[in-house]
Amino acid sequence: MKVTHEDKLRFLKKHKADALAHSGRTLLEHLTGTHNILKEWHRREAVCDAGLFHSIYGTEHYPNVTIEPSFRFVVKRLIGEEAERLAWIFGVLERDSFDQNISRRAGYSVIDRTSGQSIPLTSTEWLDLVDISFANTLESMPHISWLQRKRCRKYLEQFGFIAPAAAKEALEKI
């Protein structure tokens, strides 16, 4: 049986993503918005699904946990191994370690902020995480203060040379 987008939304609602606050709305609204941006950018289904689930394990800047990491296997069955791995890495990564990859051409990795372990990334995973980071931040920007938008824009600009054209265009419009 193929899992539909509605099945994924039902799962997120069952786990109260529609009851958690995020940038002046619900986490589910933010996750859906991030997913939609990635879809507009014509990203692979796995990347779009990772965008839909990108904060369910919490993040360094969004500590609310919707799904405990011990239930990763359930999420894998729902969205697939590739999408779940991207969502999990996005959740556990230490942002500073993510940013250190900007100057690299190979050997990408991030630090798991929960365990201190290094997580090696393929170049595809690195670029997918850049896309998800862009979509995540761009989706939030209309809902945050002017000063926060300014900081987010400055942060995203450092990824400009590797960001997809659609992401750069969206950033210019903000």
N, C-alpha and C. Protein backbone atom coordinates (compact mmCIF):
# COMPACT_ATOMS: atom_id res chain seq x y z
N MET A 1 0.84 -1.18 0.00
CA MET A 1 0.00 0.00 0.00
C MET A 1 0.89 1.25 0.00
N LYS A 2 0.64 2.15 -0.93
CA LYS A 2 1.42 3.39 -1.03
C LYS A 2 0.94 4.38 0.03
N VAL A 3 1.89 4.99 0.70
CA VAL A 3 1.59 6.01 1.70
C VAL A 3 1.33 7.33 0.98
N THR A 4 0.23 7.96 1.29
CA THR A 4 -0.13 9.22 0.65
C THR A 4 0.33 10.41 1.50
N HIS A 5 0.29 11.58 0.89
CA HIS A 5 0.62 12.80 1.62
C HIS A 5 -0.35 12.98 2.79
N GLU A 6 -1.61 12.65 2.57
CA GLU A 6 -2.62 12.76 3.64
C GLU A 6 -2.31 11.82 4.79
N ASP A 7 -1.77 10.62 4.49
CA ASP A 7 -1.36 9.68 5.55
C ASP A 7 -0.26 10.31 6.40
N LYS A 8 0.66 10.99 5.76
CA LYS A 8 1.77 11.62 6.48
C LYS A 8 1.26 12.76 7.36
N LEU A 9 0.33 13.54 6.83
CA LEU A 9 -0.27 14.63 7.62
C LEU A 9 -1.04 14.07 8.81
N ARG A 10 -1.79 12.98 8.59
CA ARG A 10 -2.53 12.34 9.69
C ARG A 10 -1.57 11.89 10.79
N PHE A 11 -0.44 11.33 10.38
CA PHE A 11 0.56 10.88 11.34
C PHE A 11 1.08 12.06 12.18
N LEU A 12 1.39 13.16 11.50
CA LEU A 12 1.89 14.34 12.21
C LEU A 12 0.83 14.90 13.15
N LYS A 13 -0.41 14.90 12.73
CA LYS A 13 -1.49 15.37 13.60
C LYS A 13 -1.67 14.44 14.79
N LYS A 14 -1.58 13.14 14.56
CA LYS A 14 -1.70 12.16 15.64
C LYS A 14 -0.63 12.41 16.71
N HIS A 15 0.50 12.92 16.26
CA HIS A 15 1.61 13.19 17.20
C HIS A 15 1.68 14.66 17.59
N LYS A 16 0.57 15.36 17.41
CA LYS A 16 0.34 16.71 17.95
C LYS A 16 1.17 17.81 17.30
N ALA A 17 1.63 17.60 16.07
CA ALA A 17 2.36 18.67 15.38
C ALA A 17 1.44 19.87 15.13
N ASP A 18 0.15 19.63 15.12
CA ASP A 18 -0.80 20.73 14.92
C ASP A 18 -1.14 21.45 16.22
N ALA A 19 -0.55 21.00 17.34
CA ALA A 19 -0.80 21.63 18.63
C ALA A 19 0.43 22.36 19.17
N LEU A 20 1.58 22.17 18.54
CA LEU A 20 2.81 22.82 18.99
C LEU A 20 2.99 24.16 18.29
N ALA A 21 3.38 25.17 19.03
CA ALA A 21 3.60 26.49 18.46
C ALA A 21 4.94 26.53 17.71
N HIS A 22 4.95 27.28 16.62
CA HIS A 22 6.18 27.50 15.85
C HIS A 22 6.03 28.81 15.07
N SER A 23 6.83 29.79 15.36
CA SER A 23 6.84 31.07 14.64
C SER A 23 5.44 31.68 14.53
N GLY A 24 4.70 31.67 15.62
CA GLY A 24 3.39 32.30 15.63
C GLY A 24 2.28 31.49 15.00
N ARG A 25 2.54 30.26 14.67
CA ARG A 25 1.52 29.33 14.15
C ARG A 25 1.81 27.94 14.67
N THR A 26 1.34 26.92 14.00
CA THR A 26 1.61 25.58 14.49
C THR A 26 2.82 24.98 13.77
N LEU A 27 3.41 24.01 14.42
CA LEU A 27 4.52 23.28 13.80
C LEU A 27 4.05 22.64 12.50
N LEU A 28 2.86 22.08 12.49
CA LEU A 28 2.36 21.43 11.28
C LEU A 28 2.27 22.42 10.12
N GLU A 29 1.83 23.63 10.38
CA GLU A 29 1.78 24.64 9.32
C GLU A 29 3.18 24.93 8.78
N HIS A 30 4.15 25.03 9.69
CA HIS A 30 5.53 25.28 9.27
C HIS A 30 6.08 24.10 8.46
N LEU A 31 5.87 22.88 8.95
CA LEU A 31 6.36 21.70 8.24
C LEU A 31 5.75 21.59 6.85
N THR A 32 4.45 21.84 6.77
CA THR A 32 3.75 21.79 5.48
C THR A 32 4.28 22.87 4.55
N GLY A 33 4.51 24.06 5.08
CA GLY A 33 5.06 25.15 4.27
C GLY A 33 6.44 24.83 3.74
N THR A 34 7.28 24.24 4.58
CA THR A 34 8.64 23.84 4.17
C THR A 34 8.55 22.79 3.06
N HIS A 35 7.70 21.80 3.25
CA HIS A 35 7.48 20.77 2.25
C HIS A 35 7.04 21.39 0.92
N ASN A 36 6.12 22.33 0.99
CA ASN A 36 5.59 22.95 -0.23
C ASN A 36 6.67 23.74 -0.98
N ILE A 37 7.52 24.42 -0.25
CA ILE A 37 8.63 25.15 -0.88
C ILE A 37 9.54 24.17 -1.62
N LEU A 38 9.89 23.08 -0.97
CA LEU A 38 10.76 22.09 -1.61
C LEU A 38 10.09 21.48 -2.85
N LYS A 39 8.79 21.27 -2.78
CA LYS A 39 8.04 20.78 -3.95
C LYS A 39 8.10 21.80 -5.09
N GLU A 40 7.92 23.09 -4.76
CA GLU A 40 7.99 24.15 -5.77
C GLU A 40 9.36 24.18 -6.43
N TRP A 41 10.40 23.82 -5.68
CA TRP A 41 11.75 23.79 -6.20
C TRP A 41 12.04 22.50 -6.95
N HIS A 42 11.06 21.62 -7.06
CA HIS A 42 11.16 20.35 -7.79
C HIS A 42 12.22 19.42 -7.19
N ARG A 43 12.26 19.37 -5.87
CA ARG A 43 13.18 18.46 -5.20
C ARG A 43 12.60 17.04 -5.20
N ARG A 44 13.47 16.04 -5.04
CA ARG A 44 13.04 14.65 -4.98
C ARG A 44 12.01 14.46 -3.85
N GLU A 45 11.17 13.45 -4.02
CA GLU A 45 10.16 13.17 -3.00
C GLU A 45 10.78 12.97 -1.62
N ALA A 46 11.92 12.30 -1.56
CA ALA A 46 12.57 12.06 -0.27
C ALA A 46 12.96 13.38 0.40
N VAL A 47 13.42 14.35 -0.36
CA VAL A 47 13.81 15.65 0.21
C VAL A 47 12.55 16.41 0.66
N CYS A 48 11.50 16.35 -0.14
CA CYS A 48 10.23 17.00 0.24
C CYS A 48 9.68 16.37 1.52
N ASP A 49 9.73 15.04 1.61
CA ASP A 49 9.25 14.37 2.83
C ASP A 49 10.14 14.71 4.02
N ALA A 50 11.43 14.81 3.79
CA ALA A 50 12.32 15.23 4.88
C ALA A 50 11.95 16.63 5.35
N GLY A 51 11.60 17.50 4.41
CA GLY A 51 11.13 18.84 4.77
C GLY A 51 9.86 18.80 5.58
N LEU A 52 8.97 17.87 5.27
CA LEU A 52 7.72 17.73 6.00
C LEU A 52 7.95 17.23 7.43
N PHE A 53 9.05 16.52 7.64
CA PHE A 53 9.33 15.93 8.96
C PHE A 53 10.59 16.51 9.61
N HIS A 54 11.13 17.60 9.08
CA HIS A 54 12.46 18.06 9.47
C HIS A 54 12.64 18.46 10.93
N SER A 55 11.62 18.80 11.65
CA SER A 55 11.78 19.22 13.05
C SER A 55 11.10 18.30 14.05
N ILE A 56 10.66 17.14 13.61
CA ILE A 56 9.89 16.27 14.51
C ILE A 56 10.72 15.71 15.66
N TYR A 57 12.03 15.63 15.49
CA TYR A 57 12.90 15.15 16.56
C TYR A 57 13.44 16.32 17.40
N GLY A 58 12.93 17.52 17.14
CA GLY A 58 13.47 18.72 17.76
C GLY A 58 14.70 19.16 16.99
N THR A 59 15.17 20.37 17.26
CA THR A 59 16.40 20.86 16.66
C THR A 59 17.13 21.69 17.71
N GLU A 60 18.30 22.12 17.37
CA GLU A 60 19.08 22.97 18.27
C GLU A 60 18.32 24.24 18.63
N HIS A 61 17.57 24.77 17.67
CA HIS A 61 16.84 26.02 17.88
C HIS A 61 15.35 25.81 18.14
N TYR A 62 14.85 24.60 17.96
CA TYR A 62 13.45 24.28 18.22
C TYR A 62 13.42 22.98 19.03
N PRO A 63 13.46 23.11 20.36
CA PRO A 63 13.64 21.92 21.21
C PRO A 63 12.42 21.01 21.36
N ASN A 64 11.26 21.43 20.86
CA ASN A 64 10.07 20.59 21.01
C ASN A 64 10.20 19.31 20.20
N VAL A 65 10.03 18.19 20.86
CA VAL A 65 10.13 16.89 20.22
C VAL A 65 8.73 16.35 19.99
N THR A 66 8.42 16.05 18.74
CA THR A 66 7.13 15.46 18.38
C THR A 66 7.22 13.94 18.42
N ILE A 67 8.32 13.42 17.91
CA ILE A 67 8.56 11.97 17.85
C ILE A 67 9.87 11.68 18.56
N GLU A 68 9.83 10.77 19.50
CA GLU A 68 11.06 10.36 20.18
C GLU A 68 11.95 9.58 19.20
N PRO A 69 13.26 9.80 19.27
CA PRO A 69 14.17 9.11 18.35
C PRO A 69 14.04 7.58 18.40
N SER A 70 13.58 7.03 19.50
CA SER A 70 13.41 5.58 19.58
C SER A 70 12.32 5.07 18.63
N PHE A 71 11.53 5.99 18.07
CA PHE A 71 10.48 5.62 17.12
C PHE A 71 10.86 5.97 15.68
N ARG A 72 12.15 6.12 15.44
CA ARG A 72 12.59 6.41 14.07
C ARG A 72 12.12 5.36 13.09
N PHE A 73 12.07 4.12 13.53
CA PHE A 73 11.66 3.02 12.65
C PHE A 73 10.25 3.23 12.10
N VAL A 74 9.38 3.83 12.89
CA VAL A 74 8.01 4.10 12.45
C VAL A 74 8.02 5.16 11.35
N VAL A 75 8.81 6.21 11.55
CA VAL A 75 8.92 7.28 10.56
C VAL A 75 9.55 6.73 9.29
N LYS A 76 10.56 5.86 9.41
CA LYS A 76 11.19 5.25 8.22
C LYS A 76 10.16 4.50 7.39
N ARG A 77 9.28 3.76 8.05
CA ARG A 77 8.25 3.01 7.31
C ARG A 77 7.31 3.96 6.59
N LEU A 78 7.08 5.13 7.18
CA LEU A 78 6.13 6.08 6.62
C LEU A 78 6.70 6.87 5.44
N ILE A 79 7.93 7.38 5.60
CA ILE A 79 8.49 8.27 4.57
C ILE A 79 9.71 7.70 3.87
N GLY A 80 10.19 6.56 4.30
CA GLY A 80 11.35 5.95 3.67
C GLY A 80 12.64 6.28 4.40
N GLU A 81 13.62 5.43 4.19
CA GLU A 81 14.89 5.55 4.91
C GLU A 81 15.65 6.83 4.59
N GLU A 82 15.71 7.19 3.30
CA GLU A 82 16.46 8.39 2.91
C GLU A 82 15.85 9.65 3.52
N ALA A 83 14.55 9.80 3.41
CA ALA A 83 13.87 10.99 3.94
C ALA A 83 13.99 11.05 5.46
N GLU A 84 13.82 9.91 6.11
CA GLU A 84 13.91 9.90 7.58
C GLU A 84 15.32 10.24 8.02
N ARG A 85 16.33 9.73 7.34
CA ARG A 85 17.72 10.03 7.72
C ARG A 85 17.98 11.53 7.60
N LEU A 86 17.52 12.15 6.52
CA LEU A 86 17.69 13.60 6.37
C LEU A 86 16.97 14.36 7.47
N ALA A 87 15.73 13.96 7.78
CA ALA A 87 14.97 14.63 8.85
C ALA A 87 15.67 14.45 10.19
N TRP A 88 16.17 13.25 10.46
CA TRP A 88 16.84 12.98 11.73
C TRP A 88 18.13 13.79 11.83
N ILE A 89 18.94 13.79 10.77
CA ILE A 89 20.19 14.57 10.80
C ILE A 89 19.87 16.04 11.00
N PHE A 90 18.88 16.55 10.27
CA PHE A 90 18.50 17.96 10.44
C PHE A 90 18.16 18.24 11.90
N GLY A 91 17.48 17.32 12.54
CA GLY A 91 17.09 17.52 13.93
C GLY A 91 18.24 17.46 14.92
N VAL A 92 19.16 16.54 14.72
CA VAL A 92 20.22 16.36 15.73
C VAL A 92 21.48 17.15 15.45
N LEU A 93 21.60 17.72 14.25
CA LEU A 93 22.87 18.37 13.93
C LEU A 93 23.13 19.60 14.79
N GLU A 94 24.40 19.77 15.07
CA GLU A 94 24.89 20.98 15.74
C GLU A 94 25.12 22.00 14.62
N ARG A 95 24.40 23.09 14.64
CA ARG A 95 24.40 24.04 13.52
C ARG A 95 25.80 24.52 13.16
N ASP A 96 26.65 24.79 14.15
CA ASP A 96 28.02 25.24 13.85
C ASP A 96 28.78 24.20 13.02
N SER A 97 28.56 22.92 13.34
CA SER A 97 29.26 21.87 12.58
C SER A 97 28.71 21.79 11.15
N PHE A 98 27.44 22.08 10.98
CA PHE A 98 26.84 22.12 9.64
C PHE A 98 27.50 23.24 8.82
N ASP A 99 27.62 24.40 9.44
CA ASP A 99 28.18 25.57 8.75
C ASP A 99 29.64 25.37 8.35
N GLN A 100 30.37 24.56 9.08
CA GLN A 100 31.77 24.33 8.76
C GLN A 100 31.97 23.61 7.43
N ASN A 101 30.90 23.03 6.89
CA ASN A 101 30.99 22.34 5.60
C ASN A 101 31.01 23.29 4.42
N ILE A 102 30.67 24.54 4.64
CA ILE A 102 30.56 25.50 3.54
C ILE A 102 31.85 25.57 2.73
N SER A 103 32.98 25.57 3.38
CA SER A 103 34.26 25.72 2.67
C SER A 103 34.82 24.39 2.15
N ARG A 104 34.13 23.29 2.40
CA ARG A 104 34.63 21.98 1.97
C ARG A 104 34.14 21.62 0.57
N ARG A 105 34.92 20.78 -0.08
CA ARG A 105 34.52 20.23 -1.38
C ARG A 105 34.27 18.73 -1.27
N ALA A 106 34.57 18.17 -0.10
CA ALA A 106 34.37 16.74 0.18
C ALA A 106 34.52 16.56 1.69
N GLY A 107 34.28 15.36 2.16
CA GLY A 107 34.46 15.07 3.59
C GLY A 107 33.44 15.77 4.47
N TYR A 108 32.20 15.86 3.99
CA TYR A 108 31.15 16.54 4.75
C TYR A 108 30.75 15.72 5.98
N SER A 109 30.46 16.44 7.06
CA SER A 109 29.99 15.78 8.28
C SER A 109 29.37 16.83 9.20
N VAL A 110 28.60 16.35 10.14
CA VAL A 110 28.04 17.21 11.18
C VAL A 110 28.22 16.49 12.52
N ILE A 111 28.10 17.25 13.57
CA ILE A 111 28.16 16.68 14.92
C ILE A 111 26.73 16.51 15.42
N ASP A 112 26.44 15.32 15.93
CA ASP A 112 25.16 15.04 16.57
C ASP A 112 25.18 15.73 17.94
N ARG A 113 24.35 16.74 18.11
CA ARG A 113 24.35 17.52 19.35
C ARG A 113 23.88 16.69 20.54
N THR A 114 23.21 15.56 20.31
CA THR A 114 22.71 14.74 21.42
C THR A 114 23.73 13.73 21.89
N SER A 115 24.66 13.32 21.00
CA SER A 115 25.64 12.30 21.37
C SER A 115 27.08 12.78 21.27
N GLY A 116 27.32 13.87 20.54
CA GLY A 116 28.68 14.34 20.31
C GLY A 116 29.39 13.59 19.20
N GLN A 117 28.73 12.61 18.60
CA GLN A 117 29.32 11.80 17.53
C GLN A 117 29.31 12.56 16.21
N SER A 118 30.29 12.26 15.38
CA SER A 118 30.35 12.82 14.03
C SER A 118 29.47 11.96 13.12
N ILE A 119 28.69 12.62 12.28
CA ILE A 119 27.85 11.93 11.30
C ILE A 119 28.38 12.29 9.91
N PRO A 120 29.00 11.33 9.22
CA PRO A 120 29.47 11.62 7.87
C PRO A 120 28.29 11.82 6.92
N LEU A 121 28.46 12.73 5.97
CA LEU A 121 27.43 13.01 4.98
C LEU A 121 27.97 12.79 3.58
N THR A 122 27.14 12.25 2.72
CA THR A 122 27.52 12.22 1.31
C THR A 122 27.34 13.64 0.77
N SER A 123 27.91 13.90 -0.39
CA SER A 123 27.72 15.24 -0.98
C SER A 123 26.25 15.48 -1.29
N THR A 124 25.51 14.45 -1.67
CA THR A 124 24.08 14.60 -1.93
C THR A 124 23.33 14.96 -0.65
N GLU A 125 23.66 14.28 0.45
CA GLU A 125 23.01 14.60 1.73
C GLU A 125 23.31 16.04 2.15
N TRP A 126 24.56 16.45 1.96
CA TRP A 126 24.94 17.82 2.32
C TRP A 126 24.11 18.82 1.53
N LEU A 127 24.01 18.63 0.23
CA LEU A 127 23.24 19.56 -0.60
C LEU A 127 21.74 19.49 -0.28
N ASP A 128 21.24 18.30 0.01
CA ASP A 128 19.83 18.17 0.42
C ASP A 128 19.57 18.92 1.72
N LEU A 129 20.49 18.83 2.66
CA LEU A 129 20.34 19.54 3.94
C LEU A 129 20.42 21.06 3.75
N VAL A 130 21.23 21.51 2.79
CA VAL A 130 21.27 22.94 2.47
C VAL A 130 19.90 23.36 1.94
N ASP A 131 19.33 22.57 1.03
CA ASP A 131 17.99 22.88 0.50
C ASP A 131 16.95 22.93 1.61
N ILE A 132 16.97 21.94 2.49
CA ILE A 132 16.00 21.90 3.58
C ILE A 132 16.20 23.09 4.52
N SER A 133 17.44 23.43 4.79
CA SER A 133 17.73 24.58 5.65
C SER A 133 17.20 25.87 5.03
N PHE A 134 17.44 26.03 3.73
CA PHE A 134 16.92 27.21 3.03
C PHE A 134 15.41 27.26 3.11
N ALA A 135 14.76 26.15 2.76
CA ALA A 135 13.29 26.11 2.75
C ALA A 135 12.74 26.35 4.15
N ASN A 136 13.34 25.74 5.14
CA ASN A 136 12.93 25.91 6.54
C ASN A 136 13.00 27.37 6.95
N THR A 137 14.11 28.01 6.67
CA THR A 137 14.30 29.40 7.07
C THR A 137 13.42 30.35 6.27
N LEU A 138 13.38 30.16 4.96
CA LEU A 138 12.54 31.02 4.12
C LEU A 138 11.07 30.91 4.49
N GLU A 139 10.64 29.71 4.85
CA GLU A 139 9.23 29.52 5.22
C GLU A 139 8.90 30.29 6.50
N SER A 140 9.84 30.36 7.42
CA SER A 140 9.62 31.04 8.70
C SER A 140 9.70 32.56 8.59
N MET A 141 10.46 33.07 7.64
CA MET A 141 10.79 34.49 7.61
C MET A 141 9.60 35.44 7.63
N PRO A 142 8.51 35.18 6.92
CA PRO A 142 7.38 36.12 6.98
C PRO A 142 6.71 36.17 8.36
N HIS A 143 7.03 35.22 9.22
CA HIS A 143 6.36 35.10 10.51
C HIS A 143 7.23 35.52 11.69
N ILE A 144 8.40 36.08 11.40
CA ILE A 144 9.30 36.48 12.48
C ILE A 144 9.58 37.98 12.38
N SER A 145 10.22 38.50 13.39
CA SER A 145 10.48 39.94 13.43
C SER A 145 11.46 40.38 12.35
N TRP A 146 11.45 41.67 12.08
CA TRP A 146 12.36 42.25 11.09
C TRP A 146 13.81 41.93 11.43
N LEU A 147 14.19 42.06 12.70
CA LEU A 147 15.57 41.81 13.11
C LEU A 147 15.93 40.34 12.91
N GLN A 148 15.02 39.44 13.24
CA GLN A 148 15.29 38.02 13.01
C GLN A 148 15.41 37.72 11.51
N ARG A 149 14.57 38.35 10.69
CA ARG A 149 14.66 38.16 9.24
C ARG A 149 16.02 38.61 8.73
N LYS A 150 16.47 39.74 9.24
CA LYS A 150 17.77 40.28 8.83
C LYS A 150 18.89 39.28 9.16
N ARG A 151 18.84 38.71 10.37
CA ARG A 151 19.85 37.72 10.77
C ARG A 151 19.77 36.46 9.91
N CYS A 152 18.54 36.01 9.65
CA CYS A 152 18.35 34.81 8.83
C CYS A 152 18.87 35.04 7.42
N ARG A 153 18.58 36.20 6.87
CA ARG A 153 19.04 36.52 5.52
C ARG A 153 20.57 36.49 5.46
N LYS A 154 21.21 37.10 6.43
CA LYS A 154 22.68 37.12 6.48
C LYS A 154 23.22 35.70 6.59
N TYR A 155 22.56 34.88 7.40
CA TYR A 155 22.98 33.49 7.56
C TYR A 155 22.88 32.75 6.23
N LEU A 156 21.74 32.87 5.57
CA LEU A 156 21.53 32.15 4.32
C LEU A 156 22.45 32.62 3.19
N GLU A 157 22.82 33.88 3.20
CA GLU A 157 23.67 34.42 2.13
C GLU A 157 24.99 33.68 2.02
N GLN A 158 25.51 33.16 3.13
CA GLN A 158 26.79 32.44 3.06
C GLN A 158 26.68 31.13 2.27
N PHE A 159 25.46 30.63 2.07
CA PHE A 159 25.24 29.42 1.29
C PHE A 159 24.89 29.72 -0.16
N GLY A 160 24.88 31.00 -0.52
CA GLY A 160 24.41 31.43 -1.83
C GLY A 160 25.06 30.72 -3.01
N PHE A 161 26.33 30.41 -2.91
CA PHE A 161 27.02 29.81 -4.04
C PHE A 161 26.64 28.35 -4.27
N ILE A 162 26.01 27.70 -3.28
CA ILE A 162 25.60 26.30 -3.46
C ILE A 162 24.09 26.12 -3.39
N ALA A 163 23.38 27.17 -3.06
CA ALA A 163 21.92 27.08 -2.96
C ALA A 163 21.31 26.97 -4.35
N PRO A 164 20.17 26.31 -4.45
CA PRO A 164 19.50 26.25 -5.75
C PRO A 164 19.04 27.64 -6.19
N ALA A 165 18.94 27.82 -7.50
CA ALA A 165 18.53 29.13 -8.04
C ALA A 165 17.21 29.60 -7.45
N ALA A 166 16.26 28.68 -7.29
CA ALA A 166 14.95 29.05 -6.73
C ALA A 166 15.09 29.58 -5.30
N ALA A 167 16.02 29.02 -4.53
CA ALA A 167 16.25 29.48 -3.16
C ALA A 167 16.84 30.88 -3.16
N LYS A 168 17.78 31.12 -4.05
CA LYS A 168 18.39 32.47 -4.15
C LYS A 168 17.36 33.50 -4.57
N GLU A 169 16.50 33.14 -5.50
CA GLU A 169 15.44 34.04 -5.94
C GLU A 169 14.48 34.35 -4.80
N ALA A 170 14.10 33.33 -4.04
CA ALA A 170 13.18 33.52 -2.91
C ALA A 170 13.82 34.41 -1.85
N LEU A 171 15.11 34.22 -1.62
CA LEU A 171 15.82 35.04 -0.63
C LEU A 171 15.84 36.50 -1.08
N GLU A 172 16.04 36.73 -2.36
CA GLU A 172 16.06 38.10 -2.87
C GLU A 172 14.71 38.81 -2.66
N LYS A 173 13.63 38.05 -2.71
CA LYS A 173 12.30 38.62 -2.56
C LYS A 173 11.97 38.98 -1.12
N ILE A 174 12.67 38.40 -0.17
CA ILE A 174 12.38 38.65 1.26
C ILE A 174 12.92 40.00 1.65
